[in-house]
Protein backbone atom coordinates (compact mmCIF):
# COMPACT_ATOMS: atom_id res chain seq x y z
CA UNK A 1 -0.38 0.30 -0.29
CA UNK A 2 1.31 3.70 -0.35
CA UNK A 3 1.18 5.98 2.56
CA UNK A 4 0.03 9.25 0.95
CA UNK A 5 -2.58 12.31 1.80
CA UNK A 6 -6.43 11.30 0.94
CA UNK A 7 -6.13 11.66 -2.78
CA UNK A 8 -9.47 13.38 -2.84
CA UNK A 9 -9.06 16.63 -0.69
CA UNK A 10 -6.18 18.67 1.01
CA UNK A 11 -6.48 20.66 3.94
CA UNK A 12 -5.31 24.39 3.56
CA UNK A 13 -3.73 24.89 6.85
CA UNK A 14 -4.21 29.13 6.31
CA UNK A 15 -8.08 29.37 5.58
CA UNK A 16 -9.57 25.83 6.89
CA UNK A 17 -10.52 25.16 3.35
CA UNK A 18 -10.55 22.33 1.10
CA UNK A 19 -8.58 21.98 -2.33
CA UNK A 20 -8.80 19.61 -5.11
CA UNK A 21 -4.96 19.32 -4.99
CA UNK A 22 -3.04 17.38 -2.52
CA UNK A 23 0.14 18.23 -0.48
CA UNK A 24 3.00 16.26 -2.59
CA UNK A 25 6.05 14.68 -0.76
CA UNK A 26 9.13 14.67 -1.22
CA UNK A 27 9.26 10.60 -0.67
CA UNK A 28 6.22 8.32 -0.69
CA UNK A 29 6.35 6.12 1.83
CA UNK A 30 5.08 2.62 0.04
CA UNK A 31 5.43 -1.05 2.00
CA UNK A 32 6.91 -3.36 -0.01
CA UNK A 33 7.82 -6.96 1.08
CA UNK A 34 11.16 -8.49 0.71
CA UNK A 35 11.81 -10.59 -2.32
CA UNK A 36 14.31 -13.01 -2.61
CA UNK A 37 15.46 -12.97 -5.99
CA UNK A 38 15.46 -15.83 -8.03
CA UNK A 39 19.37 -17.32 -7.95
CA UNK A 40 18.70 -19.91 -11.02
CA UNK A 41 19.10 -16.70 -13.61
CA UNK A 42 22.54 -17.46 -13.04
CA UNK A 43 23.66 -20.25 -15.51
CA UNK A 44 26.24 -21.28 -13.06
CA UNK A 45 23.43 -21.85 -10.33
CA UNK A 46 20.36 -23.41 -12.33
CA UNK A 47 20.78 -26.70 -10.43
CA UNK A 48 20.83 -25.28 -6.70
CA UNK A 49 17.86 -25.92 -4.77
CA UNK A 50 16.20 -24.81 -1.51
CA UNK A 51 18.71 -27.28 0.66
CA UNK A 52 21.92 -26.55 -1.27
CA UNK A 53 21.16 -22.85 -1.10
CA UNK A 54 20.04 -22.26 2.54
CA UNK A 55 23.03 -23.92 3.67
CA UNK A 56 25.95 -22.46 4.91
CA UNK A 57 28.54 -25.00 4.36
CA UNK A 58 27.12 -24.60 1.07
CA UNK A 59 27.55 -21.17 1.01
CA UNK A 60 30.85 -20.52 1.60
CA UNK A 61 32.07 -23.43 -0.57
CA UNK A 62 30.53 -21.53 -3.83
CA UNK A 63 32.52 -18.07 -2.94
CA UNK A 64 33.06 -15.86 -5.41
CA UNK A 65 36.76 -15.27 -5.36
CA UNK A 66 38.24 -14.07 -8.68
CA UNK A 67 36.82 -13.11 -12.45
CA UNK A 68 36.78 -16.76 -13.81
CA UNK A 69 34.49 -18.32 -10.93
CA UNK A 70 32.54 -15.21 -11.52
CA UNK A 71 32.46 -15.82 -15.59
CA UNK A 72 31.33 -19.20 -14.36
CA UNK A 73 28.45 -18.42 -12.30
CA UNK A 74 27.59 -15.56 -14.91
CA UNK A 75 27.77 -18.61 -17.89
CA UNK A 76 30.05 -16.80 -19.78
CA UNK A 77 27.93 -14.01 -20.32
CA UNK A 78 29.76 -11.72 -18.28
CA UNK A 79 30.97 -8.23 -21.20
CA UNK A 80 35.09 -8.86 -22.13
CA UNK A 81 35.58 -5.18 -20.99
CA UNK A 82 33.68 -5.33 -17.46
CA UNK A 83 35.82 -8.71 -17.08
CA UNK A 84 39.47 -6.85 -18.24
CA UNK A 85 38.24 -3.12 -16.03
CA UNK A 86 37.49 -5.75 -12.49
CA UNK A 87 40.61 -7.65 -13.41
CA UNK A 88 42.22 -4.41 -14.01
CA UNK A 89 41.02 -2.73 -10.58
CA UNK A 90 42.43 -6.04 -9.18
CA UNK A 91 45.81 -5.67 -9.84
CA UNK A 92 45.93 -1.83 -9.56
CA UNK A 93 43.62 -0.84 -7.47
CA UNK A 94 42.03 -2.87 -5.10
CA UNK A 95 42.33 -3.09 -0.89
CA UNK A 96 40.24 -5.59 -0.71
CA UNK A 97 40.41 -9.47 -2.58
CA UNK A 98 37.73 -10.31 -4.29
CA UNK A 99 35.60 -12.86 -1.62
CA UNK A 100 31.25 -12.36 -2.62
CA UNK A 101 28.85 -15.00 -0.73
CA UNK A 102 26.19 -16.40 -3.46
CA UNK A 103 23.45 -14.70 -1.41
CA UNK A 104 25.42 -11.28 -1.99
CA UNK A 105 25.71 -11.93 -5.39
CA UNK A 106 22.50 -12.98 -5.75
CA UNK A 107 21.38 -8.82 -5.04
CA UNK A 108 22.82 -7.73 -7.89
CA UNK A 109 20.23 -6.74 -10.82
CA UNK A 110 17.66 -9.12 -9.01
CA UNK A 111 15.25 -8.61 -11.71
CA UNK A 112 17.22 -9.46 -14.90
CA UNK A 113 19.10 -12.75 -15.89
CA UNK A 114 22.56 -12.39 -17.27
CA UNK A 115 22.89 -11.50 -21.09
CA UNK A 116 19.66 -10.05 -20.85
CA UNK A 117 19.60 -7.17 -23.03
CA UNK A 118 20.97 -3.68 -20.72
CA UNK A 119 21.97 -5.99 -18.67
CA UNK A 120 25.49 -4.74 -18.22
CA UNK A 121 24.19 -1.31 -17.83
CA UNK A 122 22.16 -2.00 -14.60
CA UNK A 123 25.21 -4.13 -14.02
CA UNK A 124 27.70 -1.06 -14.14
CA UNK A 125 24.69 1.46 -11.93
CA UNK A 126 24.19 -1.86 -9.88
CA UNK A 127 25.05 -0.59 -6.55
CA UNK A 128 25.63 -3.87 -4.54
CA UNK A 129 27.99 -3.67 -7.27
CA UNK A 130 29.17 -0.91 -7.21
CA UNK A 131 30.52 -1.67 -3.53
CA UNK A 132 31.89 -5.77 -3.41
CA UNK A 133 32.38 -6.02 -7.02
CA UNK A 134 34.57 -2.27 -7.90
CA UNK A 135 36.14 -2.36 -11.55
CA UNK A 136 38.89 0.46 -11.92
CA UNK A 137 36.64 2.24 -14.25
CA UNK A 138 34.95 3.47 -11.13
CA UNK A 139 37.36 4.82 -9.35
CA UNK A 140 38.19 8.30 -9.73
CA UNK A 141 40.82 9.23 -12.54
CA UNK A 142 42.40 11.78 -11.09
CA UNK A 143 41.66 11.52 -7.27
CA UNK A 144 41.73 7.92 -6.69
CA UNK A 145 43.09 8.48 -3.45
CA UNK A 146 42.67 11.47 -0.76
CA UNK A 147 46.46 12.93 -0.05
CA UNK A 148 45.70 12.15 3.79
CA UNK A 149 44.72 8.88 2.84
CA UNK A 150 45.95 6.28 5.08
CA UNK A 151 45.80 2.09 5.89
CA UNK A 152 44.58 2.96 9.21
CA UNK A 153 42.58 5.68 9.00
CA UNK A 154 41.27 5.52 12.18
CA UNK A 155 44.22 5.13 13.94
CA UNK A 156 42.72 1.71 15.23
CA UNK A 157 46.62 -0.67 16.04
CA UNK A 158 47.85 3.29 17.55
CA UNK A 159 44.98 2.03 20.36
CA UNK A 160 45.40 -1.21 21.05
CA UNK A 161 45.66 -2.11 24.37
CA UNK A 162 46.47 -5.22 24.05
CA UNK A 163 46.64 -6.87 20.16
CA UNK A 164 43.47 -6.88 18.88
CA UNK A 165 41.65 -4.48 21.20
CA UNK A 166 41.22 -0.77 20.47
CA UNK A 167 40.20 1.15 23.60
CA UNK A 168 38.95 5.00 21.41
CA UNK A 169 36.44 5.41 23.92
CA UNK A 170 37.00 6.07 27.78
CA UNK A 171 34.09 3.32 28.93
CA UNK A 172 33.91 1.43 25.62
CA UNK A 173 36.56 -1.15 23.23
CA UNK A 174 37.10 -3.21 19.58
CA UNK A 175 37.51 -6.63 20.34
CA UNK A 176 38.71 -7.91 16.51
CA UNK A 177 39.01 -11.60 17.39
CA UNK A 178 39.22 -12.76 13.56
CA UNK A 179 41.07 -10.91 10.54
CA UNK A 180 38.45 -12.51 8.08
CA UNK A 181 35.03 -12.03 6.87
CA UNK A 182 32.71 -13.95 4.98
CA UNK A 183 32.79 -11.52 1.68
CA UNK A 184 35.42 -8.34 1.46
CA UNK A 185 33.46 -4.91 0.67
CA UNK A 186 35.83 -2.79 -0.74
CA UNK A 187 35.78 -0.16 1.25
CA UNK A 188 36.24 -1.85 4.17
CA UNK A 189 37.66 0.71 6.99
CA UNK A 190 39.96 -1.93 8.23
CA UNK A 191 41.78 -2.46 5.29
CA UNK A 192 45.07 -2.69 6.26
CA UNK A 193 44.69 -5.83 8.84
CA UNK A 194 41.26 -7.66 7.35
CA UNK A 195 41.11 -10.21 4.55
CA UNK A 196 44.01 -11.42 2.18
CA UNK A 197 46.75 -9.32 0.37
CA UNK A 198 46.11 -7.14 -2.16
CA UNK A 199 48.61 -6.36 -5.52
CA UNK A 200 48.55 -3.02 -3.62
CA UNK A 201 47.65 -3.80 -0.16
CA UNK A 202 50.05 -6.25 1.97
CA UNK A 203 47.51 -6.56 4.99
CA UNK A 204 49.23 -6.49 8.91
CA UNK A 205 48.97 -9.83 10.61
CA UNK A 206 47.77 -10.91 13.98
CA UNK A 207 51.11 -12.61 15.36
CA UNK A 208 49.47 -14.61 18.90
CA UNK A 209 47.25 -17.25 18.83
CA UNK A 210 44.03 -17.08 18.98
CA UNK A 211 43.30 -18.37 22.93
CA UNK A 212 46.27 -16.06 23.98
CA UNK A 213 45.12 -13.03 21.64
CA UNK A 214 41.99 -13.74 23.78
CA UNK A 215 42.63 -14.38 27.37
CA UNK A 216 45.08 -10.91 27.15
CA UNK A 217 41.97 -8.64 26.39
CA UNK A 218 39.83 -10.58 29.01
CA UNK A 219 42.90 -9.98 31.60
CA UNK A 220 42.86 -6.56 30.29
CA UNK A 221 39.01 -5.68 30.70
CA UNK A 222 39.33 -7.94 34.11
CA UNK A 223 41.76 -4.68 34.88
CA UNK A 224 40.11 -1.99 33.39
CA UNK A 225 36.73 -1.31 35.50
CA UNK A 226 36.15 2.36 33.32
CA UNK A 227 34.99 -0.40 30.62
CA UNK A 228 31.67 -0.88 30.27
CA UNK A 229 30.76 -1.76 26.49
CA UNK A 230 32.47 -4.56 24.01
CA UNK A 231 31.95 -4.19 20.72
CA UNK A 232 32.78 -7.92 19.42
CA UNK A 233 34.03 -7.66 15.67
CA UNK A 234 37.13 -8.63 13.32
CA UNK A 235 36.65 -9.11 10.83
CA UNK A 236 33.25 -10.58 10.70
CA UNK A 237 32.08 -12.89 14.25
CA UNK A 238 31.11 -15.01 11.95
CA UNK A 239 34.31 -16.33 11.01
CA UNK A 240 34.82 -17.30 14.73
CA UNK A 241 33.95 -21.22 14.96
CA UNK A 242 30.76 -20.97 17.80
CA UNK A 243 32.78 -23.06 20.55
CA UNK A 244 35.54 -19.92 20.50
CA UNK A 245 33.64 -17.24 20.41
CA UNK A 246 30.54 -18.27 22.93
CA UNK A 247 33.49 -19.04 25.06
CA UNK A 248 34.64 -15.13 25.28
CA UNK A 249 31.26 -14.04 25.09
CA UNK A 250 31.07 -16.55 28.18
CA UNK A 251 33.88 -14.78 29.98
CA UNK A 252 33.14 -11.27 29.35
CA UNK A 253 29.94 -11.85 30.73
CA UNK A 254 31.80 -13.04 33.94
CA UNK A 255 33.56 -9.18 33.61
CA UNK A 256 30.93 -7.53 36.49
CA UNK A 257 31.76 -4.18 34.85
CA UNK A 258 30.92 -5.20 31.07
CA UNK A 259 27.28 -3.95 30.92
CA UNK A 260 26.61 -4.03 26.87
CA UNK A 261 27.89 -6.30 24.78
CA UNK A 262 28.01 -6.02 20.90
CA UNK A 263 27.95 -8.54 17.82
CA UNK A 264 29.02 -7.01 14.65
CA UNK A 265 28.47 -9.42 11.45
CA UNK A 266 27.66 -8.49 7.97
CA UNK A 267 27.53 -11.95 7.95
CA UNK A 268 23.34 -11.08 8.93
CA UNK A 269 22.92 -9.62 5.19
CA UNK A 270 25.99 -11.45 3.38
CA UNK A 271 25.11 -15.07 4.95
CA UNK A 272 22.49 -15.05 6.04
CA UNK A 273 22.69 -19.15 6.47
CA UNK A 274 25.16 -18.60 9.28
CA UNK A 275 23.01 -16.87 11.46
CA UNK A 276 20.31 -19.72 10.72
CA UNK A 277 22.26 -22.76 11.59
CA UNK A 278 20.83 -25.01 14.35
CA UNK A 279 23.89 -24.64 16.73
CA UNK A 280 24.94 -21.28 16.54
CA UNK A 281 21.54 -20.47 17.24
CA UNK A 282 21.28 -23.16 20.36
CA UNK A 283 24.71 -21.43 21.68
CA UNK A 284 23.32 -17.76 21.54
CA UNK A 285 20.61 -18.29 23.25
CA UNK A 286 22.29 -20.10 26.12
CA UNK A 287 24.63 -17.04 26.46
CA UNK A 288 21.86 -14.65 25.96
CA UNK A 289 20.19 -16.23 29.10
CA UNK A 290 23.51 -15.86 30.66
CA UNK A 291 23.30 -12.50 29.50
CA UNK A 292 19.68 -11.62 31.16
CA UNK A 293 20.89 -13.57 34.61
CA UNK A 294 24.09 -10.59 34.71
CA UNK A 295 21.61 -8.17 33.64
CA UNK A 296 23.62 -7.68 30.08
CA UNK A 297 22.63 -6.16 26.62
CA UNK A 298 23.32 -8.19 24.19
CA UNK A 299 22.87 -6.77 20.76
CA UNK A 300 23.76 -7.68 16.83
CA UNK A 301 24.93 -4.98 14.20
CA UNK A 302 25.42 -5.79 10.65
CA UNK A 303 25.83 -3.39 7.40
CA UNK A 304 23.51 -3.21 4.71
CA UNK A 305 23.63 -0.84 2.63
CA UNK A 306 21.23 -0.47 -0.06
CA UNK A 307 17.22 -2.10 0.30
CA UNK A 308 17.44 -5.03 -2.06
CA UNK A 309 19.91 -6.47 0.16
CA UNK A 310 17.40 -7.31 2.76
CA UNK A 311 15.63 -10.00 1.75
CA UNK A 312 13.56 -12.37 3.37
CA UNK A 313 16.79 -15.03 4.22
CA UNK A 314 17.69 -11.59 6.11
CA UNK A 315 14.44 -11.30 8.19
CA UNK A 316 14.49 -14.92 8.88
CA UNK A 317 18.04 -14.76 10.49
CA UNK A 318 17.08 -11.54 12.32
CA UNK A 319 14.05 -13.27 13.51
CA UNK A 320 16.03 -16.16 15.17
CA UNK A 321 18.29 -13.87 16.61
CA UNK A 322 15.49 -12.08 18.50
CA UNK A 323 14.25 -15.60 19.37
CA UNK A 324 17.28 -16.13 20.54
CA UNK A 325 17.48 -13.36 23.19
CA UNK A 326 19.33 -10.87 21.75
CA UNK A 327 17.67 -7.26 22.83
CA UNK A 328 18.76 -5.42 19.73
CA UNK A 329 19.63 -6.16 15.97
CA UNK A 330 20.78 -2.50 14.51
CA UNK A 331 22.15 -1.40 11.03
CA UNK A 332 25.36 0.57 10.65
CA UNK A 333 25.19 1.42 6.84
CA UNK A 334 28.00 3.60 5.23
CA UNK A 335 26.82 6.28 3.14
CA UNK A 336 28.73 5.56 -0.43
CA UNK A 337 28.23 8.09 -3.64
CA UNK A 338 26.23 5.72 -6.49
CA UNK A 339 25.39 3.23 -3.52
CA UNK A 340 22.90 5.01 -1.26
CA UNK A 341 23.52 8.63 -1.59
CA UNK A 342 20.11 10.20 -1.80
CA UNK A 343 17.28 10.72 0.84
CA UNK A 344 15.14 7.85 -1.38
CA UNK A 345 17.97 5.49 -1.16
CA UNK A 346 18.07 5.63 2.65
CA UNK A 347 14.49 6.06 3.34
CA UNK A 348 13.89 2.76 1.36
CA UNK A 349 16.84 1.06 2.93
CA UNK A 350 15.55 2.26 6.65
CA UNK A 351 11.73 0.98 5.65
CA UNK A 352 13.36 -2.23 4.56
CA UNK A 353 15.33 -3.03 7.35
CA UNK A 354 12.57 -1.88 9.94
CA UNK A 355 9.81 -2.50 8.05
CA UNK A 356 10.93 -5.97 7.15
CA UNK A 357 13.52 -7.55 8.86
CA UNK A 358 13.19 -6.00 12.40
CA UNK A 359 16.14 -4.59 12.39
CA UNK A 360 16.90 -0.58 13.85
CA UNK A 361 18.55 2.09 11.45
CA UNK A 362 21.14 3.15 13.11
CA UNK A 363 24.11 4.89 11.67
CA UNK A 364 25.41 5.53 8.51
CA UNK A 365 29.13 6.36 8.27
CA UNK A 366 30.84 8.47 6.21
CA UNK A 367 33.54 6.35 4.21
CA UNK A 368 36.64 6.20 6.05
CA UNK A 369 39.32 7.92 4.31
CA UNK A 370 41.45 4.68 2.90
CA UNK A 371 43.00 4.51 0.06
CA UNK A 372 41.23 4.20 -3.72
CA UNK A 373 37.77 5.23 -1.63
CA UNK A 374 37.60 8.85 -3.08
CA UNK A 375 35.10 7.77 -5.54
CA UNK A 376 32.45 6.43 -2.94
CA UNK A 377 33.01 9.09 -0.51
CA UNK A 378 30.51 11.80 -0.02
CA UNK A 379 31.23 15.54 1.32
CA UNK A 380 30.12 16.99 4.65
CA UNK A 381 28.17 19.06 3.44
CA UNK A 382 25.53 16.22 0.47
CA UNK A 383 25.48 14.39 4.15
CA UNK A 384 24.18 17.08 5.90
CA UNK A 385 21.90 17.82 3.52
CA UNK A 386 20.87 13.62 3.64
CA UNK A 387 20.64 14.12 7.12
CA UNK A 388 17.85 16.83 6.28
CA UNK A 389 16.42 15.10 3.90
CA UNK A 390 14.77 11.16 6.39
CA UNK A 391 14.29 13.68 9.00
CA UNK A 392 10.27 12.89 9.82
CA UNK A 393 9.59 9.92 7.50
CA UNK A 394 10.92 6.86 10.52
CA UNK A 395 9.65 7.20 14.06
CA UNK A 396 12.17 9.02 15.74
CA UNK A 397 14.03 6.05 17.64
CA UNK A 398 14.52 4.36 13.77
CA UNK A 399 15.77 7.75 12.23
CA UNK A 400 19.69 6.52 11.39
CA UNK A 401 22.14 9.29 12.41
CA UNK A 402 24.88 10.39 10.02
CA UNK A 403 27.85 10.11 11.25
CA UNK A 404 31.35 11.07 10.35
CA UNK A 405 34.34 8.74 12.34
CA UNK A 406 36.93 11.94 12.59
CA UNK A 407 40.52 10.26 13.11
CA UNK A 408 41.66 10.59 16.78
CA UNK A 409 37.65 11.90 17.72
CA UNK A 410 36.19 9.61 16.93
CA UNK A 411 31.91 9.28 15.48
CA UNK A 412 30.26 12.90 15.18
CA UNK A 413 27.00 14.14 14.25
CA UNK A 414 26.97 15.27 10.76
CA UNK A 415 25.92 18.86 12.22
CA UNK A 416 28.38 18.34 15.42
CA UNK A 417 31.26 19.92 13.18
CA UNK A 418 32.98 23.07 14.32
CA UNK A 419 34.23 25.00 11.63
CA UNK A 420 34.09 24.08 8.26
CA UNK A 421 36.16 25.41 4.97
CA UNK A 422 34.06 24.26 1.66
CA UNK A 423 36.31 25.62 -0.36
CA UNK A 424 39.50 23.41 0.35
CA UNK A 425 36.80 20.62 1.95
CA UNK A 426 38.63 20.90 5.05
CA UNK A 427 36.32 20.66 8.30
CA UNK A 428 37.47 21.21 11.60
CA UNK A 429 36.12 18.55 14.72
CA UNK A 430 36.75 18.73 18.75
CA UNK A 431 36.63 16.19 21.22
CA UNK A 432 35.59 16.12 25.32
CA UNK A 433 37.39 13.11 25.98
CA UNK A 434 40.96 11.86 25.96
CA UNK A 435 42.20 8.54 24.53
CA UNK A 436 44.97 6.59 25.55
CA UNK A 437 47.37 8.53 23.51
CA UNK A 438 46.85 11.29 24.82
CA UNK A 439 46.74 10.78 28.75
CA UNK A 440 49.53 13.46 29.31
CA UNK A 441 48.77 15.91 26.96
CA UNK A 442 46.20 18.63 27.88
CA UNK A 443 45.47 20.46 25.30
CA UNK A 444 43.50 17.47 23.20
CA UNK A 445 40.48 18.56 24.29
CA UNK A 446 40.87 22.23 23.25
CA UNK A 447 42.63 20.81 19.72
CA UNK A 448 40.86 20.62 16.21
CA UNK A 449 40.73 18.12 14.51
CA UNK A 450 40.40 17.92 10.71
CA UNK A 451 38.46 15.39 8.47
CA UNK A 452 38.87 16.12 4.09
CA UNK A 453 35.90 16.00 1.62
CA UNK A 454 36.25 13.92 -1.72
CA UNK A 455 38.33 16.56 -3.38
CA UNK A 456 36.45 15.91 -6.80
CA UNK A 457 33.17 17.70 -4.91
CA UNK A 458 35.08 21.02 -4.57
CA UNK A 459 34.85 24.31 -6.23
CA UNK A 460 37.19 24.76 -9.10
CA UNK A 461 39.62 27.23 -6.91
CA UNK A 462 39.88 24.49 -4.00
CA UNK A 463 40.89 21.89 -6.43
CA UNK A 464 43.45 24.07 -7.88
CA UNK A 465 43.92 24.49 -4.36
CA UNK A 466 44.69 20.39 -3.68
CA UNK A 467 46.64 20.38 -6.91
CA UNK A 468 49.48 22.46 -5.90
CA UNK A 469 49.52 21.22 -1.69
CA UNK A 470 52.55 19.35 -1.22
CA UNK A 471 50.02 15.83 -0.36
CA UNK A 472 49.55 16.03 -3.97
């Protein structure tokens, strides 16, 4: 159904008189039932039945890791120019190796079979393809990277209390349990650590054995009563063997000061089959029962960037998490050009999450300043415009906040910028707390920290300034 004003009459608030023309809205809400695209439209999956598709093991075993495997799935119906552009990007630009689950690939151009008329144009424009399967032609020809882009743009490794445990905020930590994911996103903020090395990026490697690393994390948390909130991530917790993850979560629950635990997994969207496995759900139910006894809240944070990625399988998995005892499932998307950089796209996604899957729209982050990401990033002023544009449609508790994760500062709502040089695209931000790196620096809370817009969004004068800047 479409929710609009009464089609026959509208009220003129200035006179109280009825008019014949309804007031139009910039966005018309429409309830859309979720749809699982037909995977058999791909020649390589024409014989795949429901039982195989719903198997997490089958999904993992049939991930696409290179152009040859992609062509096999497409039945050699991929345009040769697209394949060449993809291979060139993997060789010259990609910071993440190719790894796409069948579930995720199936949401690209969901209503058209490979080889159909217009398929290549639709594939190139597809928002899921644009961030999961980037090609060289996507990247900006002059500004592939910002001069101040860096591999660990948020300086997380510099803030490790122990290996893999990032302590950026006074009461919160990030526990990176594993450096892998079920699928790799091109814009990954942890591209320095996560995934296989690419020709462009030799990845940093965790050195401790997993058991030793987790033990050291727990030792630090037991000795740190000011920490109450642990984000358990990676990588993706869907790639942590369940017995190891369960043991770590139960150990966290035994630490009296830990009151919130958040499990970070894009696997809920890219591999919902994992979260529908009986052993995982049974184990999670036991962890949630223990959490209730301790008065601790457990939530799951996932990562959907487009409405078309939210399918019935995702809804089934989120429902199963609720039934296991998880308090909230929240979405943290990334704002990206050509993916979701319109009011309509953000609202479509938010309603698909909320209405279709019971997932709370939570954050949209500006894409971080990692190498070769300029074609994805949006400017601060664009993000501010989008935040204003989505206000008033969703319930207040479900209206996502657009945030900028400023290096050395942390997450800031997009309108919390202190000053902004629009010509050069430099915004300045302040903070109200210290990271461990600044414990002995009394000026840190008075300092302004810069963040940079993508240069191609600047006026000509600003672009010319950056062309002569020493960082270019």
